[in-house]
Amino acid sequence: MPIIDRDDVKDAGAIKTTARDDRIHFLIGEVQAEAESFCQRKFDRATYTEHFDTAGSQGFVLVANPPIISITSVTDDAQVSARAIDVSANVRDEQEYYDRGEVRLWNAESVFTNGDAAVNVVYVGGYDRQNLPKDLKGALVNEVLFRLNNPNRWGVKSESADGVNVAYDMDGNFAAQTAAVLKRYRQWWRDIA
C-alpha cells in the first residue's frame, strides 16, 4: 500500500485538475516500488515474518523493515526445537532499538542458537501516514512530481540540442535530491549479510 497518496502530490504541485489523476496514481506506485528496491526494504506498515542465520555469540538480529512497531514473536532454534522466547521479558523494547530495527535479547536470554534460519521473528514494522518521516514523504512526493512534469527527462543524465548540453543531477533512476534522502533509509547491512 502506498505511503503517499494523490492528494499529497497534488497539494505539493498545486495541481487543481483531475486530468492527470490516473498518471499520478501510477507514478506513486512506480516511485515507491523503485525506492523500496533501492533501499532493500518495504516502507509500508505491515506484519512481517523474517528468518535469520546466526553464528557465534549473536544476541541480536536486524529486521529488514524498521521501525519496529511491535514484536509478535521470536522463535530461537527454529529448525530443531523451536524454542519460543518470551518477548515481554527477554527482548529489549526501548524505542532506540525499535527505530533501528534491532531485536536484542537480554535478561534470561543472552544469545541466539547458531544455525541457518535459526531465528524467526514476527513483527509489525514500517511506516503509515501517521509515522512517515517528513523527509521521506517529501522526497517521494517530489520524485513523483518530477516524473509527472518531466516525462521525457526521467532517467536521462544529459541532453544536447542546438549546441547546448544540459546535465541533470541524477543518482541512478532518481533525482539526486531524492536519492540523498533514500540513502538514509537504505538497509546497507543487507549488502554484506
Protein backbone atom coordinates (compact mmCIF):
# COMPACT_ATOMS: atom_id res chain seq x y z
CA MET A 1 0.00 0.00 0.00
CA PRO A 2 1.47 3.39 -0.95
CA ILE A 3 2.69 5.58 1.90
CA ILE A 4 1.90 8.76 -0.03
CA ASP A 5 -1.30 9.48 -1.91
CA ARG A 6 -2.61 11.51 -4.83
CA ASP A 7 -3.64 14.41 -2.57
CA ASP A 8 -0.07 14.69 -1.23
CA VAL A 9 1.26 15.03 -4.77
CA LYS A 10 -1.49 17.38 -5.96
CA ASP A 11 -1.12 19.64 -2.90
CA ALA A 12 2.67 19.85 -3.29
CA GLY A 13 2.39 20.54 -7.01
CA ALA A 14 -0.59 22.91 -6.73
CA ILE A 15 -2.50 20.70 -9.18
CA LYS A 16 -6.19 21.62 -9.22
CA THR A 17 -7.44 19.49 -12.13
CA THR A 18 -8.27 15.77 -12.14
CA ALA A 19 -6.94 15.28 -15.68
CA ARG A 20 -3.67 13.68 -14.52
CA ASP A 21 -5.01 11.71 -11.53
CA ASP A 22 -4.51 8.31 -13.19
CA ARG A 23 -0.93 9.16 -14.13
CA ILE A 24 -0.21 10.39 -10.60
CA HIS A 25 -1.64 7.18 -9.14
CA PHE A 26 0.58 5.10 -11.45
CA LEU A 27 3.69 7.15 -10.64
CA ILE A 28 3.13 6.84 -6.88
CA GLY A 29 3.27 3.04 -7.15
CA GLU A 30 6.24 3.14 -9.51
CA VAL A 31 8.29 5.52 -7.36
CA GLN A 32 7.58 3.64 -4.12
CA ALA A 33 8.47 0.27 -5.71
CA GLU A 34 11.76 1.66 -7.04
CA ALA A 35 12.54 3.36 -3.72
CA GLU A 36 11.91 0.10 -1.85
CA SER A 37 14.19 -1.77 -4.24
CA PHE A 38 16.89 0.90 -3.85
CA CYS A 39 16.58 0.82 -0.05
CA GLN A 40 16.30 -3.01 0.12
CA ARG A 41 13.22 -2.82 2.30
CA LYS A 42 9.46 -2.25 2.34
CA PHE A 43 8.18 1.09 3.59
CA ASP A 44 4.52 0.37 4.31
CA ARG A 45 3.40 -0.78 7.74
CA ALA A 46 2.60 -4.48 7.78
CA THR A 47 3.24 -7.70 9.69
CA TYR A 48 6.49 -9.26 8.55
CA THR A 49 7.97 -12.71 9.21
CA GLU A 50 11.73 -12.98 8.81
CA HIS A 51 14.22 -15.81 9.29
CA PHE A 52 17.81 -15.17 10.30
CA ASP A 53 21.02 -17.15 10.09
CA THR A 54 23.01 -16.78 13.30
CA ALA A 55 26.61 -17.51 14.22
CA GLY A 56 28.90 -17.06 17.19
CA SER A 57 27.60 -15.31 20.27
CA GLN A 58 24.96 -13.28 18.49
CA GLY A 59 22.46 -11.60 20.80
CA PHE A 60 20.58 -9.52 18.25
CA VAL A 61 19.23 -9.52 14.70
CA LEU A 62 18.29 -6.59 12.44
CA VAL A 63 14.92 -6.75 10.74
CA ALA A 64 14.51 -5.54 7.16
CA ASN A 65 11.64 -3.08 7.60
CA PRO A 66 12.14 -0.75 10.56
CA PRO A 67 10.94 0.94 12.58
CA ILE A 68 9.55 -1.91 14.63
CA ILE A 69 6.10 -1.05 15.94
CA SER A 70 5.68 -4.27 17.94
CA ILE A 71 7.20 -7.74 18.11
CA THR A 72 4.69 -10.56 17.96
CA SER A 73 7.05 -13.50 18.49
CA VAL A 74 10.68 -14.57 18.48
CA THR A 75 11.50 -18.24 17.99
CA ASP A 76 15.03 -19.50 18.51
CA ASP A 77 16.47 -22.70 17.04
CA ALA A 78 13.50 -22.77 14.66
CA GLN A 79 14.88 -25.75 12.70
CA VAL A 80 15.15 -28.12 15.69
CA SER A 81 13.23 -27.38 18.87
CA ALA A 82 11.52 -24.08 18.05
CA ARG A 83 12.04 -22.52 21.48
CA ALA A 84 9.74 -19.54 21.93
CA ILE A 85 11.41 -16.56 23.58
CA ASP A 86 9.27 -14.53 25.97
CA VAL A 87 9.22 -11.20 24.14
CA SER A 88 7.93 -9.18 27.09
CA ALA A 89 10.62 -10.44 29.48
CA ASN A 90 13.63 -11.22 27.29
CA VAL A 91 13.65 -8.84 24.30
CA ARG A 92 14.72 -5.21 24.69
CA ASP A 93 11.83 -2.84 23.96
CA GLU A 94 13.48 0.58 24.09
CA GLN A 95 12.49 2.87 21.23
CA GLU A 96 16.09 3.30 20.05
CA TYR A 97 16.27 -0.44 19.31
CA TYR A 98 12.87 -0.43 17.61
CA ASP A 99 13.81 2.58 15.47
CA ARG A 100 16.92 0.77 14.16
CA GLY A 101 15.01 -2.47 13.67
CA GLU A 102 17.10 -4.29 16.28
CA VAL A 103 15.68 -7.32 18.07
CA ARG A 104 18.06 -7.63 21.03
CA LEU A 105 17.97 -10.29 23.74
CA TRP A 106 18.53 -9.63 27.43
CA ASN A 107 17.75 -10.94 30.94
CA ALA A 108 17.44 -14.76 30.89
CA GLU A 109 18.29 -14.92 27.18
CA SER A 110 21.72 -13.72 26.09
CA VAL A 111 22.43 -15.25 22.66
CA PHE A 112 20.57 -16.96 19.86
CA THR A 113 21.26 -20.56 18.86
CA ASN A 114 23.72 -20.85 15.97
CA GLY A 115 22.46 -22.08 12.63
CA ASP A 116 20.89 -21.40 9.27
CA ALA A 117 17.44 -19.83 9.60
CA ALA A 118 17.75 -20.46 13.34
CA VAL A 119 15.81 -17.37 14.42
CA ASN A 120 12.29 -16.49 13.35
CA VAL A 121 10.89 -13.04 14.13
CA VAL A 122 7.30 -11.93 13.52
CA TYR A 123 6.82 -8.18 13.93
CA VAL A 124 4.84 -5.18 12.81
CA GLY A 125 7.11 -2.66 11.16
CA GLY A 126 7.37 0.11 8.60
CA TYR A 127 5.54 3.38 8.11
CA ASP A 128 1.99 4.54 7.70
CA ARG A 129 0.71 8.05 7.06
CA GLN A 130 0.91 8.93 10.79
CA ASN A 131 4.57 7.99 11.38
CA LEU A 132 6.02 8.68 7.91
CA PRO A 133 9.12 10.87 8.29
CA LYS A 134 8.73 14.25 6.61
CA ASP A 135 11.95 13.95 4.61
CA LEU A 136 10.94 10.58 3.15
CA LYS A 137 7.44 11.82 2.30
CA GLY A 138 8.84 14.95 0.66
CA ALA A 139 11.38 13.00 -1.38
CA LEU A 140 8.76 10.57 -2.72
CA VAL A 141 6.25 13.34 -3.49
CA ASN A 142 8.89 15.44 -5.26
CA GLU A 143 10.09 12.46 -7.28
CA VAL A 144 6.53 11.78 -8.43
CA LEU A 145 6.14 15.45 -9.40
CA PHE A 146 9.47 15.41 -11.25
CA ARG A 147 8.43 12.37 -13.28
CA LEU A 148 4.95 13.78 -13.86
CA ASN A 149 6.22 17.14 -15.11
CA ASN A 150 9.28 15.86 -16.98
CA PRO A 151 8.26 12.56 -18.59
CA ASN A 152 11.00 12.76 -21.24
CA ARG A 153 13.79 13.64 -18.80
CA TRP A 154 13.34 10.91 -16.20
CA GLY A 155 16.40 8.66 -16.20
CA VAL A 156 18.24 10.90 -18.68
CA LYS A 157 21.52 12.25 -17.30
CA SER A 158 22.15 14.77 -20.07
CA GLU A 159 20.76 16.09 -23.33
CA SER A 160 22.29 18.00 -26.23
CA ALA A 161 20.48 20.10 -28.80
CA ASP A 162 21.43 23.07 -30.94
CA GLY A 163 24.94 23.19 -29.49
CA VAL A 164 23.70 23.29 -25.90
CA ASN A 165 24.40 20.49 -23.42
CA VAL A 166 22.25 20.20 -20.28
CA ALA A 167 23.12 17.78 -17.45
CA TYR A 168 20.60 16.62 -14.88
CA ASP A 169 21.65 15.83 -11.35
CA MET A 170 20.66 12.14 -11.21
CA ASP A 171 21.70 9.28 -8.95
CA GLY A 172 20.65 6.06 -10.63
CA ASN A 173 17.00 6.41 -11.63
CA PHE A 174 16.28 9.13 -9.08
CA ALA A 175 16.83 12.85 -8.96
CA ALA A 176 19.95 13.32 -6.83
CA GLN A 177 17.95 15.05 -4.07
CA THR A 178 15.57 12.07 -3.83
CA ALA A 179 18.45 9.58 -3.76
CA ALA A 180 20.18 11.55 -0.98
CA VAL A 181 17.12 11.15 1.24
CA LEU A 182 16.56 7.50 0.30
CA LYS A 183 20.13 6.63 1.28
CA ARG A 184 19.21 7.46 4.90
CA TYR A 185 16.62 4.66 4.80
CA ARG A 186 18.70 2.10 2.91
CA GLN A 187 19.43 -1.17 4.67
CA TRP A 188 23.18 -1.21 3.87
CA TRP A 189 23.82 -4.18 6.14
CA ARG A 190 21.90 -6.34 3.67
CA ASP A 191 24.66 -5.75 1.10
CA ILE A 192 27.13 -7.61 3.31
CA ALA A 193 24.83 -10.12 5.02
